[in-house]
Amino acid sequence: MTSKAVVALRIRASSERAFEAFVCEIGRWWRANGLFRLTSGPPGRMAFEPCLGGRLTETDVEGRAFEVGRITHWAAGEKLVFTWRQASFAPDVATGFG
């Protein structure tokens, strides 16, 4: 089964600035909640490695990083596609966003 979720938000910023804020500043605006709780411990800080194949990680207060996903398409200012997984997922299960 395949499903797709699309979320749209209009903001006053160039596509380049919106892309930069999403990727480079995710640790400033991302807040864990019940729907997107990644690990069983306290929420950590999210960060992208901004390049094709780069990781999306959540790093806890003790410095342990959980790999949430990988960037599968990178076109700065235009398009970003990445996989997503939570700690409760089986090791070979992920979903994609983009």
Protein backbone atom coordinates (compact mmCIF):
# COMPACT_ATOMS: atom_id res chain seq x y z
CA MET A 1 0.00 0.00 0.00
CA THR A 2 1.25 3.48 -0.86
CA SER A 3 0.01 6.72 0.62
CA LYS A 4 1.09 10.32 0.30
CA ALA A 5 0.71 13.35 2.54
CA VAL A 6 1.09 16.83 1.12
CA VAL A 7 1.45 19.90 3.31
CA ALA A 8 1.54 23.42 1.86
CA LEU A 9 2.42 26.61 3.68
CA ARG A 10 2.70 30.09 2.18
CA ILE A 11 5.40 32.34 3.60
CA ARG A 12 7.03 35.59 2.54
CA ALA A 13 10.46 34.34 1.61
CA SER A 14 12.33 33.31 -1.48
CA SER A 15 12.44 29.60 -2.24
CA GLU A 16 16.17 29.69 -1.49
CA ARG A 17 15.61 31.22 1.97
CA ALA A 18 12.75 28.82 2.79
CA PHE A 19 14.93 25.87 1.75
CA GLU A 20 17.82 27.15 3.89
CA ALA A 21 15.56 27.64 6.93
CA PHE A 22 14.05 24.18 6.57
CA VAL A 23 17.39 22.39 6.15
CA CYS A 24 19.92 24.50 8.07
CA GLU A 25 17.68 25.71 10.89
CA ILE A 26 15.56 22.60 11.57
CA GLY A 27 17.13 22.35 15.04
CA ARG A 28 15.66 25.76 15.90
CA TRP A 29 12.06 25.16 14.83
CA TRP A 30 11.40 21.40 15.02
CA ARG A 31 9.49 20.35 18.14
CA ALA A 32 8.78 16.73 18.97
CA ASN A 33 5.17 15.79 19.61
CA GLY A 34 3.16 12.62 20.13
CA LEU A 35 2.63 12.06 16.41
CA PHE A 36 6.30 12.42 15.44
CA ARG A 37 8.14 11.14 18.49
CA LEU A 38 11.37 9.65 17.16
CA THR A 39 12.84 7.90 20.18
CA SER A 40 11.62 6.81 23.60
CA GLY A 41 13.92 9.24 25.46
CA PRO A 42 13.65 13.01 25.80
CA PRO A 43 13.59 14.88 22.47
CA GLY A 44 16.96 15.86 21.05
CA ARG A 45 18.12 18.36 18.44
CA MET A 46 17.37 17.72 14.77
CA ALA A 47 19.96 18.42 12.07
CA PHE A 48 20.48 17.72 8.37
CA GLU A 49 23.82 17.04 6.72
CA PRO A 50 23.02 19.37 3.79
CA CYS A 51 23.99 17.33 0.72
CA LEU A 52 22.80 14.41 -1.38
CA GLY A 53 23.08 11.30 0.80
CA GLY A 54 23.31 13.45 3.94
CA ARG A 55 21.67 12.25 7.12
CA LEU A 56 18.82 13.73 9.11
CA THR A 57 19.63 13.04 12.75
CA GLU A 58 18.24 13.67 16.21
CA THR A 59 21.04 14.04 18.77
CA ASP A 60 20.17 13.66 22.45
CA VAL A 61 21.66 15.60 25.38
CA GLU A 62 24.29 12.89 25.87
CA GLY A 63 25.50 13.24 22.27
CA ARG A 64 23.96 10.05 20.89
CA ALA A 65 22.65 10.50 17.35
CA PHE A 66 19.70 8.59 15.93
CA GLU A 67 19.55 8.55 12.13
CA VAL A 68 16.04 9.60 11.20
CA GLY A 69 16.62 9.52 7.45
CA ARG A 70 18.79 10.18 4.41
CA ILE A 71 18.54 12.82 1.69
CA THR A 72 17.68 11.07 -1.57
CA HIS A 73 17.23 14.18 -3.76
CA TRP A 74 18.99 17.51 -3.26
CA ALA A 75 18.37 20.59 -5.41
CA ALA A 76 19.10 23.55 -3.11
CA GLY A 77 16.32 26.11 -3.16
CA GLU A 78 14.12 23.86 -5.31
CA LYS A 79 13.52 20.35 -4.04
CA LEU A 80 14.41 18.16 -1.08
CA VAL A 81 13.45 14.49 -0.73
CA PHE A 82 14.41 12.44 2.29
CA THR A 83 13.52 9.21 4.04
CA TRP A 84 12.01 9.16 7.53
CA ARG A 85 11.98 6.52 10.22
CA GLN A 86 11.21 6.38 13.90
CA ALA A 87 13.04 4.25 16.45
CA SER A 88 10.04 1.90 16.61
CA PHE A 89 10.38 1.07 12.88
CA ALA A 90 12.02 -2.21 11.87
CA PRO A 91 15.63 -1.62 10.70
CA ASP A 92 14.71 -1.96 7.00
CA VAL A 93 11.55 0.20 7.11
CA ALA A 94 11.44 3.89 6.20
CA THR A 95 9.08 6.29 4.53
CA GLY A 96 9.92 9.19 2.23
CA PHE A 97 9.18 12.92 2.13
CA GLY A 98 9.66 15.30 -0.71
